[in-house]
Amino acid sequence: MQSNAKVQIEKRKRWRWLLAGLVLILFLVNGFGLFVGNMVYQQIKVLQSVLPIRKSMELQQQMDFGKRQKQWQDVMLTSRYGYPLRGTYIPNPQPTDKTVVFLHGFTESRLSGLYYLGIYLDAGFNLLLVDSRAHGESGGNSVTWGVYEKYDLDQWVNWLKERFPGGTIGVHGVSMGAATALLHAELNEPSKKVSFYIADSAYSDLETLLNWELGRRKQSFGTWLPSQFILPYANAAAYLTDRFTFYQASPLRALSSVTTPVLYIHGQDDRLIPVSMAYELYNATKGPRKISIFRQGGHADGVFQDWGGYNEIIQNFISEVEE
């Protein structure tokens, strides 16, 4: 009897040690995963380069001149999350109640919207350039790839509705701004405050894009680990530090209920966001939609590659929407 009791005690000890070992392994693996995931997440925030300093200075001079000489107006709102949102309202020389909100790409600012100014003034629209969350002069601790940015956009739309109660509002976004616009389209569906969206170089799904980017640029991220291991931990880091998940940043899922007209623009040779994502978004759109692909275009450079062609695409789309 004593021998059996000793055997049972030894078995229980072995099981305890085995369980403790497994817990320790899980702790080490998850701790390592979170460390690597957070490292990768921090790098994700700076994947793209900022506007060249020279170009930025030229645009700032244009902005300053407009505010001095052309009645361009700086505007500030307070986000529902408590941080300041800043933008510049540019009235059309011919008074109108039609306005386009321009959303810039990652690491840029509202200054980049000046490249598109002539297009919308020619179309008879005012232009509202806004700094996205954690960009330019707007507040916010982090970029969330459209998850919280869509609510900031909604406040700008409401500001325009108060200014022009019966006016027309369009949204033109580039890259991350385009994804934000498409995520907002889901919010817009019940009210239809926004009449059309133009999405230039949007990603269809952030998780898919990051998985592709990690696989393609492992050396840039300094890791040999497979993206399938890294992404869940990077996602956890995003939630722990910035309270959002990559899953939420999916214009593709948001479009399932959208019936507002959308124009998709993309470059065939885009190496940051593959052109296949533009076709995914186009095919998922339930309402009126058009797609234009710049055959030699890279990421968000259609307006620079062929300004006249880009302008014509937008003018034709707006004319169709307004019919």
C-alpha atoms as a PDB file:
ATOM      1  CA  MET A   1       0.000   0.000   0.000  1.00  0.00           C
ATOM      2  CA  GLN A   2       2.779   2.412   0.935  1.00  0.00           C
ATOM      3  CA  SER A   3       4.557   1.571  -2.333  1.00  0.00           C
ATOM      4  CA  ASN A   4       1.434   2.418  -4.362  1.00  0.00           C
ATOM      5  CA  ALA A   5       0.989   5.655  -2.441  1.00  0.00           C
ATOM      6  CA  LYS A   6       4.594   6.620  -3.194  1.00  0.00           C
ATOM      7  CA  VAL A   7       4.073   5.865  -6.892  1.00  0.00           C
ATOM      8  CA  GLN A   8       0.955   8.051  -6.982  1.00  0.00           C
ATOM      9  CA  ILE A   9       2.804  10.872  -5.232  1.00  0.00           C
ATOM     10  CA  GLU A  10       5.668  10.645  -7.751  1.00  0.00           C
ATOM     11  CA  LYS A  11       3.200  10.677 -10.643  1.00  0.00           C
ATOM     12  CA  ARG A  12       1.503  13.780  -9.290  1.00  0.00           C
ATOM     13  CA  LYS A  13       4.901  15.466  -8.887  1.00  0.00           C
ATOM     14  CA  ARG A  14       5.860  14.624 -12.458  1.00  0.00           C
ATOM     15  CA  TRP A  15       2.556  15.994 -13.738  1.00  0.00           C
ATOM     16  CA  ARG A  16       3.036  19.177 -11.729  1.00  0.00           C
ATOM     17  CA  TRP A  17       6.541  19.620 -13.127  1.00  0.00           C
ATOM     18  CA  LEU A  18       5.283  18.914 -16.644  1.00  0.00           C
ATOM     19  CA  LEU A  19       2.452  21.421 -16.264  1.00  0.00           C
ATOM     20  CA  ALA A  20       4.833  24.005 -14.820  1.00  0.00           C
ATOM     21  CA  GLY A  21       7.199  23.420 -17.741  1.00  0.00           C
ATOM     22  CA  LEU A  22       4.398  23.874 -20.262  1.00  0.00           C
ATOM     23  CA  VAL A  23       3.247  27.076 -18.565  1.00  0.00           C
ATOM     24  CA  LEU A  24       6.825  28.367 -18.600  1.00  0.00           C
ATOM     25  CA  ILE A  25       7.221  27.517 -22.299  1.00  0.00           C
ATOM     26  CA  LEU A  26       3.934  29.236 -23.135  1.00  0.00           C
ATOM     27  CA  PHE A  27       4.990  32.252 -21.107  1.00  0.00           C
ATOM     28  CA  LEU A  28       8.355  32.449 -22.877  1.00  0.00           C
ATOM     29  CA  VAL A  29       6.889  31.905 -26.349  1.00  0.00           C
ATOM     30  CA  ASN A  30       4.142  34.480 -25.843  1.00  0.00           C
ATOM     31  CA  GLY A  31       6.542  36.909 -24.199  1.00  0.00           C
ATOM     32  CA  PHE A  32       8.944  36.554 -27.114  1.00  0.00           C
ATOM     33  CA  GLY A  33       6.039  36.817 -29.557  1.00  0.00           C
ATOM     34  CA  LEU A  34       4.795  40.031 -27.962  1.00  0.00           C
ATOM     35  CA  PHE A  35       8.304  41.482 -27.968  1.00  0.00           C
ATOM     36  CA  VAL A  36       8.791  40.732 -31.674  1.00  0.00           C
ATOM     37  CA  GLY A  37       5.182  41.700 -32.483  1.00  0.00           C
ATOM     38  CA  ASN A  38       5.547  45.070 -30.785  1.00  0.00           C
ATOM     39  CA  MET A  39       8.852  45.664 -32.571  1.00  0.00           C
ATOM     40  CA  VAL A  40       7.228  44.936 -35.918  1.00  0.00           C
ATOM     41  CA  TYR A  41       4.143  47.017 -35.057  1.00  0.00           C
ATOM     42  CA  GLN A  42       6.330  50.029 -34.273  1.00  0.00           C
ATOM     43  CA  GLN A  43       8.057  49.591 -37.654  1.00  0.00           C
ATOM     44  CA  ILE A  44       4.702  49.292 -39.441  1.00  0.00           C
ATOM     45  CA  LYS A  45       3.974  52.835 -38.314  1.00  0.00           C
ATOM     46  CA  VAL A  46       6.854  54.184 -40.415  1.00  0.00           C
ATOM     47  CA  LEU A  47       6.724  52.015 -43.548  1.00  0.00           C
ATOM     48  CA  GLN A  48       6.200  54.932 -45.901  1.00  0.00           C
ATOM     49  CA  SER A  49       8.382  57.979 -46.381  1.00  0.00           C
ATOM     50  CA  VAL A  50       7.257  61.525 -45.691  1.00  0.00           C
ATOM     51  CA  LEU A  51       6.902  64.235 -48.320  1.00  0.00           C
ATOM     52  CA  PRO A  52      10.333  65.499 -49.431  1.00  0.00           C
ATOM     53  CA  ILE A  53      11.264  68.570 -47.392  1.00  0.00           C
ATOM     54  CA  ARG A  54      11.598  70.764 -50.488  1.00  0.00           C
ATOM     55  CA  LYS A  55       8.131  69.843 -51.751  1.00  0.00           C
ATOM     56  CA  SER A  56       6.675  70.305 -48.285  1.00  0.00           C
ATOM     57  CA  MET A  57       8.148  73.797 -48.055  1.00  0.00           C
ATOM     58  CA  GLU A  58       6.715  74.744 -51.454  1.00  0.00           C
ATOM     59  CA  LEU A  59       3.273  73.536 -50.435  1.00  0.00           C
ATOM     60  CA  GLN A  60       3.505  75.387 -47.112  1.00  0.00           C
ATOM     61  CA  GLN A  61       4.311  78.608 -48.965  1.00  0.00           C
ATOM     62  CA  GLN A  62       1.266  78.051 -51.198  1.00  0.00           C
ATOM     63  CA  MET A  63      -0.877  77.441 -48.116  1.00  0.00           C
ATOM     64  CA  ASP A  64       0.406  80.572 -46.370  1.00  0.00           C
ATOM     65  CA  PHE A  65      -0.238  82.671 -49.484  1.00  0.00           C
ATOM     66  CA  GLY A  66      -3.795  81.328 -49.766  1.00  0.00           C
ATOM     67  CA  LYS A  67      -4.548  82.220 -46.168  1.00  0.00           C
ATOM     68  CA  ARG A  68      -3.142  85.723 -46.607  1.00  0.00           C
ATOM     69  CA  GLN A  69      -4.584  86.568 -50.016  1.00  0.00           C
ATOM     70  CA  LYS A  70      -7.439  84.209 -50.887  1.00  0.00           C
ATOM     71  CA  GLN A  71      -9.567  83.860 -47.751  1.00  0.00           C
ATOM     72  CA  TRP A  72      -8.502  80.291 -47.032  1.00  0.00           C
ATOM     73  CA  GLN A  73      -9.587  79.546 -43.471  1.00  0.00           C
ATOM     74  CA  ASP A  74      -8.001  77.332 -40.826  1.00  0.00           C
ATOM     75  CA  VAL A  75     -10.580  75.278 -38.921  1.00  0.00           C
ATOM     76  CA  MET A  76     -10.310  73.366 -35.643  1.00  0.00           C
ATOM     77  CA  LEU A  77     -12.696  70.776 -34.246  1.00  0.00           C
ATOM     78  CA  THR A  78     -12.436  68.581 -31.175  1.00  0.00           C
ATOM     79  CA  SER A  79     -12.522  64.866 -31.818  1.00  0.00           C
ATOM     80  CA  ARG A  80     -15.019  62.795 -29.893  1.00  0.00           C
ATOM     81  CA  TYR A  81     -11.901  61.215 -28.361  1.00  0.00           C
ATOM     82  CA  GLY A  82     -10.711  64.566 -27.024  1.00  0.00           C
ATOM     83  CA  TYR A  83      -7.861  65.583 -29.323  1.00  0.00           C
ATOM     84  CA  PRO A  84      -7.849  68.564 -31.724  1.00  0.00           C
ATOM     85  CA  LEU A  85      -8.596  68.101 -35.424  1.00  0.00           C
ATOM     86  CA  ARG A  86      -7.224  70.743 -37.749  1.00  0.00           C
ATOM     87  CA  GLY A  87      -7.983  71.555 -41.349  1.00  0.00           C
ATOM     88  CA  THR A  88      -8.078  74.332 -43.937  1.00  0.00           C
ATOM     89  CA  TYR A  89     -11.232  75.304 -45.797  1.00  0.00           C
ATOM     90  CA  ILE A  90     -10.629  76.619 -49.324  1.00  0.00           C
ATOM     91  CA  PRO A  91     -13.693  78.327 -50.840  1.00  0.00           C
ATOM     92  CA  ASN A  92     -14.285  78.209 -54.575  1.00  0.00           C
ATOM     93  CA  PRO A  93     -13.959  81.675 -56.194  1.00  0.00           C
ATOM     94  CA  GLN A  94     -17.538  81.128 -57.422  1.00  0.00           C
ATOM     95  CA  PRO A  95     -19.767  80.694 -54.340  1.00  0.00           C
ATOM     96  CA  THR A  96     -21.055  77.131 -54.049  1.00  0.00           C
ATOM     97  CA  ASP A  97     -22.448  74.731 -51.453  1.00  0.00           C
ATOM     98  CA  LYS A  98     -20.531  71.768 -52.926  1.00  0.00           C
ATOM     99  CA  THR A  99     -17.410  70.642 -51.044  1.00  0.00           C
ATOM    100  CA  VAL A 100     -14.889  67.802 -51.225  1.00  0.00           C
ATOM    101  CA  VAL A 101     -13.046  66.648 -48.093  1.00  0.00           C
ATOM    102  CA  PHE A 102      -9.486  65.576 -48.927  1.00  0.00           C
ATOM    103  CA  LEU A 103      -7.794  62.861 -46.821  1.00  0.00           C
ATOM    104  CA  HIS A 104      -4.033  62.504 -47.191  1.00  0.00           C
ATOM    105  CA  GLY A 105      -1.930  59.357 -46.937  1.00  0.00           C
ATOM    106  CA  PHE A 106       0.167  57.938 -44.096  1.00  0.00           C
ATOM    107  CA  THR A 107       2.959  60.245 -42.801  1.00  0.00           C
ATOM    108  CA  GLU A 108       1.751  63.169 -44.937  1.00  0.00           C
ATOM    109  CA  SER A 109      -0.449  66.160 -44.043  1.00  0.00           C
ATOM    110  CA  ARG A 110      -3.237  68.275 -45.454  1.00  0.00           C
ATOM    111  CA  LEU A 111      -0.640  70.135 -47.522  1.00  0.00           C
ATOM    112  CA  SER A 112      -0.607  67.246 -50.016  1.00  0.00           C
ATOM    113  CA  GLY A 113      -4.223  68.049 -50.856  1.00  0.00           C
ATOM    114  CA  LEU A 114      -3.024  71.168 -52.659  1.00  0.00           C
ATOM    115  CA  TYR A 115      -1.929  68.945 -55.555  1.00  0.00           C
ATOM    116  CA  TYR A 116      -5.644  68.268 -56.167  1.00  0.00           C
ATOM    117  CA  LEU A 117      -6.897  71.817 -55.606  1.00  0.00           C
ATOM    118  CA  GLY A 118      -7.254  72.786 -59.272  1.00  0.00           C
ATOM    119  CA  ILE A 119      -9.270  69.660 -60.034  1.00  0.00           C
ATOM    120  CA  TYR A 120     -11.991  70.515 -57.553  1.00  0.00           C
ATOM    121  CA  LEU A 121     -12.031  74.265 -58.110  1.00  0.00           C
ATOM    122  CA  ASP A 122     -12.535  73.533 -61.831  1.00  0.00           C
ATOM    123  CA  ALA A 123     -15.368  71.138 -60.928  1.00  0.00           C
ATOM    124  CA  GLY A 124     -17.124  73.896 -58.968  1.00  0.00           C
ATOM    125  CA  PHE A 125     -16.348  72.563 -55.478  1.00  0.00           C
ATOM    126  CA  ASN A 126     -14.893  74.044 -52.340  1.00  0.00           C
ATOM    127  CA  LEU A 127     -12.101  71.965 -50.815  1.00  0.00           C
ATOM    128  CA  LEU A 128     -11.626  71.046 -47.161  1.00  0.00           C
ATOM    129  CA  LEU A 129      -8.121  69.761 -46.427  1.00  0.00           C
ATOM    130  CA  VAL A 130      -7.764  67.979 -43.082  1.00  0.00           C
ATOM    131  CA  ASP A 131      -4.888  66.600 -41.047  1.00  0.00           C
ATOM    132  CA  SER A 132      -5.559  63.013 -40.089  1.00  0.00           C
ATOM    133  CA  ARG A 133      -5.257  61.821 -36.499  1.00  0.00           C
ATOM    134  CA  ALA A 134      -1.606  61.889 -35.312  1.00  0.00           C
ATOM    135  CA  HIS A 135      -0.571  63.772 -38.468  1.00  0.00           C
ATOM    136  CA  GLY A 136       0.221  67.396 -39.201  1.00  0.00           C
ATOM    137  CA  GLU A 137      -1.360  69.672 -36.607  1.00  0.00           C
ATOM    138  CA  SER A 138      -4.068  67.234 -35.479  1.00  0.00           C
ATOM    139  CA  GLY A 139      -3.797  65.449 -32.160  1.00  0.00           C
ATOM    140  CA  GLY A 140      -4.138  61.796 -31.249  1.00  0.00           C
ATOM    141  CA  ASN A 141      -1.497  59.402 -29.963  1.00  0.00           C
ATOM    142  CA  SER A 142      -1.409  56.987 -32.869  1.00  0.00           C
ATOM    143  CA  VAL A 143      -2.415  56.085 -36.386  1.00  0.00           C
ATOM    144  CA  THR A 144      -5.178  53.449 -36.507  1.00  0.00           C
ATOM    145  CA  TRP A 145      -5.383  52.955 -40.289  1.00  0.00           C
ATOM    146  CA  GLY A 146      -8.925  54.271 -40.574  1.00  0.00           C
ATOM    147  CA  VAL A 147     -10.490  52.634 -37.508  1.00  0.00           C
ATOM    148  CA  TYR A 148     -10.785  55.843 -35.443  1.00  0.00           C
ATOM    149  CA  GLU A 149     -10.016  58.173 -38.355  1.00  0.00           C
ATOM    150  CA  LYS A 150     -13.421  57.403 -39.895  1.00  0.00           C
ATOM    151  CA  TYR A 151     -15.140  58.969 -36.863  1.00  0.00           C
ATOM    152  CA  ASP A 152     -12.964  62.077 -37.207  1.00  0.00           C
ATOM    153  CA  LEU A 153     -14.003  62.287 -40.858  1.00  0.00           C
ATOM    154  CA  ASP A 154     -17.621  62.033 -39.781  1.00  0.00           C
ATOM    155  CA  GLN A 155     -17.164  65.129 -37.630  1.00  0.00           C
ATOM    156  CA  TRP A 156     -15.766  67.065 -40.607  1.00  0.00           C
ATOM    157  CA  VAL A 157     -18.763  65.946 -42.661  1.00  0.00           C
ATOM    158  CA  ASN A 158     -21.109  67.151 -39.922  1.00  0.00           C
ATOM    159  CA  TRP A 159     -19.272  70.489 -39.821  1.00  0.00           C
ATOM    160  CA  LEU A 160     -19.882  70.920 -43.552  1.00  0.00           C
ATOM    161  CA  LYS A 161     -23.545  69.922 -43.171  1.00  0.00           C
ATOM    162  CA  GLU A 162     -24.002  72.645 -40.586  1.00  0.00           C
ATOM    163  CA  ARG A 163     -22.299  75.170 -42.887  1.00  0.00           C
ATOM    164  CA  PHE A 164     -24.216  74.085 -46.020  1.00  0.00           C
ATOM    165  CA  PRO A 165     -27.373  72.225 -44.900  1.00  0.00           C
ATOM    166  CA  GLY A 166     -28.471  71.371 -48.432  1.00  0.00           C
ATOM    167  CA  GLY A 167     -25.020  71.122 -49.969  1.00  0.00           C
ATOM    168  CA  THR A 168     -23.214  68.269 -51.700  1.00  0.00           C
ATOM    169  CA  ILE A 169     -20.275  66.571 -49.967  1.00  0.00           C
ATOM    170  CA  GLY A 170     -17.696  64.304 -51.576  1.00  0.00           C
ATOM    171  CA  VAL A 171     -14.655  62.611 -50.035  1.00  0.00           C
ATOM    172  CA  HIS A 172     -11.363  62.044 -51.845  1.00  0.00           C
ATOM    173  CA  GLY A 173      -8.818  59.906 -50.018  1.00  0.00           C
ATOM    174  CA  VAL A 174      -5.318  58.748 -50.950  1.00  0.00           C
ATOM    175  CA  SER A 175      -3.770  55.508 -49.625  1.00  0.00           C
ATOM    176  CA  MET A 176      -4.631  55.362 -45.891  1.00  0.00           C
ATOM    177  CA  GLY A 177      -6.964  58.302 -46.501  1.00  0.00           C
ATOM    178  CA  ALA A 178      -8.717  56.259 -49.186  1.00  0.00           C
ATOM    179  CA  ALA A 179      -9.167  53.348 -46.781  1.00  0.00           C
ATOM    180  CA  THR A 180     -10.534  55.782 -44.176  1.00  0.00           C
ATOM    181  CA  ALA A 181     -13.017  57.099 -46.740  1.00  0.00           C
ATOM    182  CA  LEU A 182     -14.257  53.583 -47.533  1.00  0.00           C
ATOM    183  CA  LEU A 183     -14.587  52.702 -43.849  1.00  0.00           C
ATOM    184  CA  HIS A 184     -16.591  55.900 -43.378  1.00  0.00           C
ATOM    185  CA  ALA A 185     -18.869  54.900 -46.270  1.00  0.00           C
ATOM    186  CA  GLU A 186     -20.345  52.235 -43.997  1.00  0.00           C
ATOM    187  CA  LEU A 187     -21.121  54.891 -41.350  1.00  0.00           C
ATOM    188  CA  ASN A 188     -22.588  57.111 -44.046  1.00  0.00           C
ATOM    189  CA  GLU A 189     -25.041  54.536 -45.380  1.00  0.00           C
ATOM    190  CA  PRO A 190     -28.038  55.390 -43.149  1.00  0.00           C
ATOM    191  CA  SER A 191     -27.760  59.177 -43.578  1.00  0.00           C
ATOM    192  CA  LYS A 192     -26.165  59.564 -47.053  1.00  0.00           C
ATOM    193  CA  LYS A 193     -24.544  62.828 -45.956  1.00  0.00           C
ATOM    194  CA  VAL A 194     -21.671  62.060 -48.339  1.00  0.00           C
ATOM    195  CA  SER A 195     -22.732  61.834 -51.988  1.00  0.00           C
ATOM    196  CA  PHE A 196     -19.636  60.123 -53.412  1.00  0.00           C
ATOM    197  CA  TYR A 197     -16.208  58.750 -52.531  1.00  0.00           C
ATOM    198  CA  ILE A 198     -12.975  58.715 -54.524  1.00  0.00           C
ATOM    199  CA  ALA A 199     -10.478  56.121 -53.279  1.00  0.00           C
ATOM    200  CA  ASP A 200      -6.983  56.464 -54.740  1.00  0.00           C
ATOM    201  CA  SER A 201      -4.643  53.543 -53.911  1.00  0.00           C
ATOM    202  CA  ALA A 202      -6.690  52.081 -51.050  1.00  0.00           C
ATOM    203  CA  TYR A 203      -5.880  48.794 -49.330  1.00  0.00           C
ATOM    204  CA  SER A 204      -8.733  46.312 -49.169  1.00  0.00           C
ATOM    205  CA  ASP A 205      -7.768  44.718 -45.862  1.00  0.00           C
ATOM    206  CA  LEU A 206      -4.963  45.750 -43.503  1.00  0.00           C
ATOM    207  CA  GLU A 207      -4.240  42.231 -42.208  1.00  0.00           C
ATOM    208  CA  THR A 208      -3.866  40.906 -45.735  1.00  0.00           C
ATOM    209  CA  LEU A 209      -1.631  43.818 -46.709  1.00  0.00           C
ATOM    210  CA  LEU A 210       0.605  43.411 -43.656  1.00  0.00           C
ATOM    211  CA  ASN A 211       0.876  39.656 -44.189  1.00  0.00           C
ATOM    212  CA  TRP A 212       1.974  40.313 -47.779  1.00  0.00           C
ATOM    213  CA  GLU A 213       4.343  43.090 -46.708  1.00  0.00           C
ATOM    214  CA  LEU A 214       5.962  41.018 -43.960  1.00  0.00           C
ATOM    215  CA  GLY A 215       6.523  38.116 -46.320  1.00  0.00           C
ATOM    216  CA  ARG A 216       7.995  40.413 -48.965  1.00  0.00           C
ATOM    217  CA  ARG A 217      10.211  42.535 -46.742  1.00  0.00           C
ATOM    218  CA  LYS A 218      11.434  40.296 -43.928  1.00  0.00           C
ATOM    219  CA  GLN A 219      14.882  41.874 -43.926  1.00  0.00           C
ATOM    220  CA  SER A 220      13.378  45.327 -43.434  1.00  0.00           C
ATOM    221  CA  PHE A 221      11.664  44.096 -40.283  1.00  0.00           C
ATOM    222  CA  GLY A 222      14.768  42.318 -38.993  1.00  0.00           C
ATOM    223  CA  THR A 223      13.066  38.981 -38.372  1.00  0.00           C
ATOM    224  CA  TRP A 224      13.218  35.504 -39.865  1.00  0.00           C
ATOM    225  CA  LEU A 225       9.948  34.442 -38.264  1.00  0.00           C
ATOM    226  CA  PRO A 226       6.934  33.672 -40.497  1.00  0.00           C
ATOM    227  CA  SER A 227       4.293  36.375 -40.764  1.00  0.00           C
ATOM    228  CA  GLN A 228       1.655  33.894 -39.526  1.00  0.00           C
ATOM    229  CA  PHE A 229       3.500  33.868 -36.177  1.00  0.00           C
ATOM    230  CA  ILE A 230       4.277  37.592 -36.020  1.00  0.00           C
ATOM    231  CA  LEU A 231       0.967  39.163 -37.058  1.00  0.00           C
ATOM    232  CA  PRO A 232      -1.195  37.919 -34.168  1.00  0.00           C
ATOM    233  CA  TYR A 233       1.324  39.375 -31.715  1.00  0.00           C
ATOM    234  CA  ALA A 234       1.652  42.616 -33.683  1.00  0.00           C
ATOM    235  CA  ASN A 235      -2.144  42.768 -33.615  1.00  0.00           C
ATOM    236  CA  ALA A 236      -2.096  42.273 -29.842  1.00  0.00           C
ATOM    237  CA  ALA A 237       0.479  45.077 -29.550  1.00  0.00           C
ATOM    238  CA  ALA A 238      -1.809  47.357 -31.593  1.00  0.00           C
ATOM    239  CA  TYR A 239      -4.695  46.648 -29.238  1.00  0.00           C
ATOM    240  CA  LEU A 240      -2.664  46.966 -26.047  1.00  0.00           C
ATOM    241  CA  THR A 241      -1.017  50.247 -27.046  1.00  0.00           C
ATOM    242  CA  ASP A 242      -3.591  51.907 -29.312  1.00  0.00           C
ATOM    243  CA  ARG A 243      -6.889  50.084 -28.671  1.00  0.00           C
ATOM    244  CA  PHE A 244      -7.640  48.828 -32.178  1.00  0.00           C
ATOM    245  CA  THR A 245      -7.090  45.654 -34.180  1.00  0.00           C
ATOM    246  CA  PHE A 246      -5.962  45.100 -37.749  1.00  0.00           C
ATOM    247  CA  TYR A 247      -9.192  43.185 -38.352  1.00  0.00           C
ATOM    248  CA  GLN A 248     -11.179  46.395 -37.900  1.00  0.00           C
ATOM    249  CA  ALA A 249      -9.220  48.133 -40.682  1.00  0.00           C
ATOM    250  CA  SER A 250     -10.931  46.293 -43.519  1.00  0.00           C
ATOM    251  CA  PRO A 251     -12.635  48.430 -46.168  1.00  0.00           C
ATOM    252  CA  LEU A 252     -13.488  45.198 -47.957  1.00  0.00           C
ATOM    253  CA  ARG A 253     -15.809  44.132 -45.130  1.00  0.00           C
ATOM    254  CA  ALA A 254     -17.175  47.660 -44.673  1.00  0.00           C
ATOM    255  CA  LEU A 255     -18.303  47.793 -48.311  1.00  0.00           C
ATOM    256  CA  SER A 256     -20.781  44.946 -47.940  1.00  0.00           C
ATOM    257  CA  SER A 257     -23.611  47.402 -47.188  1.00  0.00           C
ATOM    258  CA  VAL A 258     -22.422  50.498 -49.101  1.00  0.00           C
ATOM    259  CA  THR A 259     -24.531  51.899 -51.961  1.00  0.00           C
ATOM    260  CA  THR A 260     -22.935  55.362 -52.272  1.00  0.00           C
ATOM    261  CA  PRO A 261     -21.058  55.820 -55.591  1.00  0.00           C
ATOM    262  CA  VAL A 262     -17.319  55.063 -55.401  1.00  0.00           C
ATOM    263  CA  LEU A 263     -14.506  55.756 -57.873  1.00  0.00           C
ATOM    264  CA  TYR A 264     -11.390  53.593 -57.472  1.00  0.00           C
ATOM    265  CA  ILE A 265      -8.040  54.801 -58.817  1.00  0.00           C
ATOM    266  CA  HIS A 266      -4.867  52.729 -58.656  1.00  0.00           C
ATOM    267  CA  GLY A 267      -1.472  52.286 -60.267  1.00  0.00           C
ATOM    268  CA  GLN A 268      -0.776  49.040 -62.118  1.00  0.00           C
ATOM    269  CA  ASP A 269       2.800  48.990 -60.773  1.00  0.00           C
ATOM    270  CA  ASP A 270       1.975  49.951 -57.176  1.00  0.00           C
ATOM    271  CA  ARG A 271       4.545  48.126 -55.021  1.00  0.00           C
ATOM    272  CA  LEU A 272       3.148  49.218 -51.681  1.00  0.00           C
ATOM    273  CA  ILE A 273      -0.515  48.277 -52.152  1.00  0.00           C
ATOM    274  CA  PRO A 274      -1.028  45.751 -54.981  1.00  0.00           C
ATOM    275  CA  VAL A 275      -3.469  46.683 -57.723  1.00  0.00           C
ATOM    276  CA  SER A 276      -5.341  43.432 -57.036  1.00  0.00           C
ATOM    277  CA  MET A 277      -6.742  45.123 -53.911  1.00  0.00           C
ATOM    278  CA  ALA A 278      -8.401  47.799 -56.066  1.00  0.00           C
ATOM    279  CA  TYR A 279     -10.182  45.084 -58.036  1.00  0.00           C
ATOM    280  CA  GLU A 280     -11.208  43.363 -54.784  1.00  0.00           C
ATOM    281  CA  LEU A 281     -12.781  46.581 -53.555  1.00  0.00           C
ATOM    282  CA  TYR A 282     -14.436  47.305 -56.892  1.00  0.00           C
ATOM    283  CA  ASN A 283     -15.974  43.819 -57.062  1.00  0.00           C
ATOM    284  CA  ALA A 284     -17.214  44.053 -53.456  1.00  0.00           C
ATOM    285  CA  THR A 285     -18.967  47.398 -53.986  1.00  0.00           C
ATOM    286  CA  LYS A 286     -22.734  46.998 -54.210  1.00  0.00           C
ATOM    287  CA  GLY A 287     -23.618  50.492 -55.417  1.00  0.00           C
ATOM    288  CA  PRO A 288     -22.519  52.513 -58.460  1.00  0.00           C
ATOM    289  CA  ARG A 289     -18.782  52.171 -58.981  1.00  0.00           C
ATOM    290  CA  LYS A 290     -16.034  52.882 -61.472  1.00  0.00           C
ATOM    291  CA  ILE A 291     -12.375  51.903 -61.611  1.00  0.00           C
ATOM    292  CA  SER A 292      -9.444  53.538 -63.400  1.00  0.00           C
ATOM    293  CA  ILE A 293      -5.993  51.938 -63.502  1.00  0.00           C
ATOM    294  CA  PHE A 294      -2.908  53.925 -64.474  1.00  0.00           C
ATOM    295  CA  ARG A 295      -0.958  51.358 -66.460  1.00  0.00           C
ATOM    296  CA  GLN A 296       2.509  52.676 -65.619  1.00  0.00           C
ATOM    297  CA  GLY A 297       1.555  54.094 -62.225  1.00  0.00           C
ATOM    298  CA  GLY A 298       3.148  53.416 -58.871  1.00  0.00           C
ATOM    299  CA  HIS A 299       1.670  54.123 -55.457  1.00  0.00           C
ATOM    300  CA  ALA A 300      -0.694  57.123 -55.480  1.00  0.00           C
ATOM    301  CA  ASP A 301       1.138  58.845 -58.316  1.00  0.00           C
ATOM    302  CA  GLY A 302      -1.607  58.991 -60.956  1.00  0.00           C
ATOM    303  CA  VAL A 303      -2.106  62.711 -60.335  1.00  0.00           C
ATOM    304  CA  PHE A 304       1.622  63.296 -60.958  1.00  0.00           C
ATOM    305  CA  GLN A 305       1.995  60.863 -63.841  1.00  0.00           C
ATOM    306  CA  ASP A 306      -0.891  62.253 -65.896  1.00  0.00           C
ATOM    307  CA  TRP A 307      -2.611  65.236 -64.265  1.00  0.00           C
ATOM    308  CA  GLY A 308      -4.856  65.829 -67.283  1.00  0.00           C
ATOM    309  CA  GLY A 309      -6.004  62.221 -67.438  1.00  0.00           C
ATOM    310  CA  TYR A 310      -6.514  62.104 -63.666  1.00  0.00           C
ATOM    311  CA  ASN A 311      -8.542  65.305 -63.793  1.00  0.00           C
ATOM    312  CA  GLU A 312     -10.692  63.976 -66.630  1.00  0.00           C
ATOM    313  CA  ILE A 313     -11.435  60.735 -64.759  1.00  0.00           C
ATOM    314  CA  ILE A 314     -12.652  62.684 -61.723  1.00  0.00           C
ATOM    315  CA  GLN A 315     -14.642  65.247 -63.712  1.00  0.00           C
ATOM    316  CA  ASN A 316     -16.445  62.469 -65.621  1.00  0.00           C
ATOM    317  CA  PHE A 317     -17.226  60.584 -62.414  1.00  0.00           C
ATOM    318  CA  ILE A 318     -18.594  63.691 -60.676  1.00  0.00           C
ATOM    319  CA  SER A 319     -20.704  64.551 -63.716  1.00  0.00           C
ATOM    320  CA  GLU A 320     -22.248  61.072 -63.661  1.00  0.00           C
ATOM    321  CA  VAL A 321     -22.937  61.260 -59.926  1.00  0.00           C
ATOM    322  CA  GLU A 322     -24.597  64.662 -60.247  1.00  0.00           C
ATOM    323  CA  GLU A 323     -26.888  63.647 -63.152  1.00  0.00           C
END
